[in-house]
N, C-alpha and C. Protein backbone atom coordinates (compact mmCIF):
# COMPACT_ATOMS: atom_id res chain seq x y z
N THR A 1 136.42 119.42 88.04
CA THR A 1 136.41 120.86 87.95
C THR A 1 136.78 121.45 89.30
N LYS A 2 137.09 122.75 89.26
CA LYS A 2 137.47 123.42 90.51
C LYS A 2 136.30 123.49 91.49
N HIS A 3 135.11 123.65 90.94
CA HIS A 3 133.92 123.71 91.80
C HIS A 3 133.73 122.39 92.55
N ALA A 4 133.87 121.29 91.86
CA ALA A 4 133.72 119.97 92.48
C ALA A 4 134.81 119.74 93.52
N GLU A 5 136.02 120.21 93.21
CA GLU A 5 137.14 120.07 94.15
C GLU A 5 136.87 120.86 95.43
N ARG A 6 136.35 122.09 95.29
CA ARG A 6 136.01 122.90 96.47
C ARG A 6 134.90 122.25 97.28
N GLU A 7 133.94 121.66 96.61
CA GLU A 7 132.84 120.95 97.29
C GLU A 7 133.39 119.78 98.11
N ARG A 8 134.28 118.99 97.51
CA ARG A 8 134.88 117.86 98.23
C ARG A 8 135.69 118.34 99.44
N GLU A 9 136.44 119.42 99.26
CA GLU A 9 137.23 119.98 100.36
C GLU A 9 136.31 120.45 101.49
N ARG A 10 135.23 121.13 101.13
CA ARG A 10 134.28 121.60 102.14
C ARG A 10 133.62 120.42 102.86
N ASP A 11 133.27 119.38 102.09
CA ASP A 11 132.68 118.19 102.71
C ASP A 11 133.65 117.52 103.67
N THR A 12 134.93 117.48 103.29
CA THR A 12 135.95 116.89 104.16
C THR A 12 136.08 117.69 105.45
N GLN A 13 136.10 119.02 105.34
CA GLN A 13 136.20 119.88 106.52
C GLN A 13 134.98 119.71 107.42
N THR A 14 133.80 119.62 106.80
CA THR A 14 132.57 119.42 107.57
C THR A 14 132.62 118.10 108.31
N THR A 15 133.06 117.05 107.63
CA THR A 15 133.15 115.73 108.25
C THR A 15 134.14 115.75 109.42
N GLU A 16 135.29 116.40 109.23
CA GLU A 16 136.28 116.50 110.31
C GLU A 16 135.71 117.28 111.50
N THR A 17 134.99 118.35 111.21
CA THR A 17 134.38 119.15 112.28
C THR A 17 133.36 118.32 113.04
N LEU A 18 132.55 117.56 112.33
CA LEU A 18 131.54 116.72 112.99
C LEU A 18 132.19 115.63 113.84
N HIS A 19 133.28 115.05 113.34
CA HIS A 19 133.99 114.03 114.13
C HIS A 19 134.57 114.64 115.40
N GLU A 20 135.12 115.86 115.30
CA GLU A 20 135.66 116.54 116.48
C GLU A 20 134.55 116.86 117.47
N LEU A 21 133.43 117.34 116.97
CA LEU A 21 132.29 117.63 117.83
C LEU A 21 131.80 116.36 118.53
N ASP A 22 131.70 115.28 117.79
CA ASP A 22 131.30 113.99 118.36
C ASP A 22 132.26 113.55 119.45
N ARG A 23 133.56 113.72 119.22
CA ARG A 23 134.57 113.35 120.21
C ARG A 23 134.41 114.17 121.48
N ARG A 24 134.18 115.48 121.32
CA ARG A 24 134.03 116.35 122.49
C ARG A 24 132.77 116.03 123.29
N VAL A 25 131.69 115.74 122.59
CA VAL A 25 130.45 115.39 123.28
C VAL A 25 130.63 114.08 124.04
N ALA A 26 131.25 113.09 123.41
CA ALA A 26 131.49 111.81 124.07
C ALA A 26 132.37 111.99 125.31
N GLU A 27 133.38 112.85 125.20
CA GLU A 27 134.26 113.12 126.34
C GLU A 27 133.49 113.78 127.47
N ALA A 28 132.65 114.75 127.14
CA ALA A 28 131.87 115.45 128.17
C ALA A 28 130.89 114.49 128.85
N LEU A 29 130.28 113.61 128.08
CA LEU A 29 129.31 112.68 128.66
C LEU A 29 129.98 111.60 129.50
N SER A 30 131.25 111.35 129.25
CA SER A 30 131.93 110.28 129.99
C SER A 30 132.41 110.73 131.37
N ARG A 31 132.38 112.04 131.62
CA ARG A 31 132.83 112.53 132.93
C ARG A 31 131.89 112.05 134.02
N GLN A 32 132.45 111.81 135.17
CA GLN A 32 131.67 111.36 136.32
C GLN A 32 130.74 112.47 136.78
N VAL A 33 129.48 112.15 136.93
CA VAL A 33 128.49 113.10 137.43
C VAL A 33 127.96 112.56 138.75
N ASP A 34 127.91 113.45 139.75
CA ASP A 34 127.43 113.06 141.06
C ASP A 34 125.90 113.07 141.05
N VAL A 35 125.32 111.90 140.87
CA VAL A 35 123.87 111.78 140.82
C VAL A 35 123.38 111.30 142.18
N GLN A 36 122.39 111.99 142.72
CA GLN A 36 121.84 111.62 144.02
C GLN A 36 120.34 111.48 143.89
N ASP A 37 119.76 110.68 144.76
CA ASP A 37 118.30 110.58 144.75
C ASP A 37 117.71 111.72 145.57
N GLY A 38 116.40 111.86 145.51
CA GLY A 38 115.72 112.96 146.19
C GLY A 38 115.94 112.98 147.69
N LEU A 39 115.98 111.81 148.32
CA LEU A 39 116.17 111.75 149.77
C LEU A 39 117.56 112.25 150.15
N ALA A 40 118.57 111.89 149.37
CA ALA A 40 119.93 112.36 149.64
C ALA A 40 120.01 113.88 149.49
N LEU A 41 119.37 114.42 148.47
CA LEU A 41 119.36 115.87 148.29
C LEU A 41 118.61 116.56 149.42
N PHE A 42 117.50 115.97 149.86
CA PHE A 42 116.73 116.53 150.97
C PHE A 42 117.57 116.55 152.24
N ASN A 43 118.26 115.45 152.52
CA ASN A 43 119.11 115.39 153.72
C ASN A 43 120.24 116.42 153.65
N LYS A 44 120.80 116.61 152.47
CA LYS A 44 121.84 117.62 152.31
C LYS A 44 121.27 119.01 152.56
N LEU A 45 120.08 119.25 152.09
CA LEU A 45 119.42 120.53 152.29
C LEU A 45 119.18 120.79 153.78
N GLN A 46 118.80 119.75 154.52
CA GLN A 46 118.51 119.90 155.94
C GLN A 46 119.75 120.23 156.77
N THR A 47 120.91 119.86 156.28
CA THR A 47 122.14 120.10 157.04
C THR A 47 122.95 121.27 156.49
N SER A 48 122.43 121.96 155.48
CA SER A 48 123.18 123.08 154.91
C SER A 48 123.16 124.29 155.85
N VAL A 49 124.17 125.12 155.74
CA VAL A 49 124.32 126.29 156.59
C VAL A 49 123.38 127.39 156.10
N LEU A 50 122.67 128.01 157.06
CA LEU A 50 121.79 129.13 156.73
C LEU A 50 122.50 130.45 157.00
N LEU A 51 122.37 131.37 156.07
CA LEU A 51 122.96 132.69 156.21
C LEU A 51 121.84 133.70 156.36
N PRO A 52 121.60 134.22 157.56
CA PRO A 52 120.50 135.17 157.76
C PRO A 52 120.72 136.45 156.94
N THR A 53 119.61 137.00 156.43
CA THR A 53 119.69 138.24 155.66
C THR A 53 119.69 139.46 156.57
N GLY A 54 119.23 139.29 157.80
CA GLY A 54 119.09 140.42 158.71
C GLY A 54 117.72 141.07 158.63
N ILE A 55 116.88 140.57 157.73
CA ILE A 55 115.50 141.05 157.60
C ILE A 55 114.60 139.95 158.15
N GLY A 56 114.08 140.18 159.33
CA GLY A 56 113.35 139.14 160.05
C GLY A 56 112.25 138.47 159.26
N THR A 57 111.39 139.26 158.61
CA THR A 57 110.28 138.66 157.86
C THR A 57 110.78 137.85 156.67
N LEU A 58 111.84 138.32 156.01
CA LEU A 58 112.40 137.57 154.88
C LEU A 58 113.04 136.27 155.37
N ASP A 59 113.80 136.35 156.44
CA ASP A 59 114.40 135.13 157.00
C ASP A 59 113.34 134.12 157.41
N ALA A 60 112.21 134.61 157.96
CA ALA A 60 111.12 133.71 158.33
C ALA A 60 110.56 133.03 157.09
N LEU A 61 110.37 133.78 156.02
CA LEU A 61 109.87 133.20 154.77
C LEU A 61 110.84 132.17 154.19
N LEU A 62 112.12 132.41 154.37
CA LEU A 62 113.15 131.52 153.83
C LEU A 62 113.49 130.36 154.76
N GLY A 63 112.83 130.30 155.91
CA GLY A 63 113.12 129.21 156.84
C GLY A 63 114.40 129.43 157.62
N GLY A 64 114.83 130.68 157.76
CA GLY A 64 116.02 130.98 158.55
C GLY A 64 117.07 131.78 157.81
N GLY A 65 116.98 131.86 156.51
CA GLY A 65 117.95 132.64 155.74
C GLY A 65 118.26 131.98 154.42
N LEU A 66 119.29 132.47 153.78
CA LEU A 66 119.74 131.92 152.51
C LEU A 66 120.63 130.71 152.77
N ARG A 67 120.57 129.73 151.90
CA ARG A 67 121.39 128.53 152.08
C ARG A 67 122.76 128.73 151.44
N GLU A 68 123.79 128.40 152.20
CA GLU A 68 125.16 128.52 151.72
C GLU A 68 125.37 127.57 150.53
N GLY A 69 126.04 128.07 149.50
CA GLY A 69 126.36 127.23 148.35
C GLY A 69 125.25 127.15 147.32
N GLN A 70 124.19 127.91 147.49
CA GLN A 70 123.09 127.91 146.54
C GLN A 70 122.89 129.31 145.98
N ILE A 71 122.30 129.39 144.84
CA ILE A 71 121.97 130.67 144.23
C ILE A 71 120.50 130.93 144.50
N THR A 72 120.20 132.11 145.03
CA THR A 72 118.83 132.51 145.32
C THR A 72 118.53 133.77 144.53
N GLU A 73 117.41 133.77 143.83
CA GLU A 73 117.03 134.93 143.05
C GLU A 73 115.71 135.47 143.57
N PHE A 74 115.67 136.76 143.82
CA PHE A 74 114.45 137.43 144.24
C PHE A 74 113.96 138.26 143.05
N PHE A 75 112.68 138.22 142.81
CA PHE A 75 112.16 139.02 141.71
C PHE A 75 110.74 139.43 142.03
N GLY A 76 110.27 140.42 141.34
CA GLY A 76 108.91 140.92 141.53
C GLY A 76 108.56 141.86 140.39
N ALA A 77 107.45 142.51 140.54
CA ALA A 77 107.03 143.47 139.52
C ALA A 77 108.07 144.57 139.39
N SER A 78 108.12 145.20 138.24
CA SER A 78 109.13 146.22 137.95
C SER A 78 109.25 147.30 139.01
N PRO A 79 108.17 147.88 139.52
CA PRO A 79 108.34 148.95 140.52
C PRO A 79 108.55 148.45 141.95
N SER A 80 108.72 147.12 142.14
CA SER A 80 108.80 146.59 143.51
C SER A 80 110.15 146.80 144.17
N GLY A 81 111.12 147.33 143.47
CA GLY A 81 112.38 147.63 144.09
C GLY A 81 113.50 146.84 143.57
C-alpha cells in the first residue's frame, strides 16, 4: 500500500540521516585534541601575559590583571553595575 511505501521511504531517510550523523561524529572525534596535564596548564598560566585593567584593587585581586588569550567574566547582583 501507499502508506507502507511512505513508511519504508521515511525509514530509509532516517537511516541515511543517522549514518551521516554517525560519520560526522566519528570525524569530529578523530581530530587531534591538544590534551595537557594539570602541571603543563599551570606552567602555561604562570607564563601568560597579564593585561592590567587600570583599576588597582581589581588588578590586585586578579594577580596583576586579565590573562591574555582567556575569557574573563565579571558578575554580581543586579544593581551592582
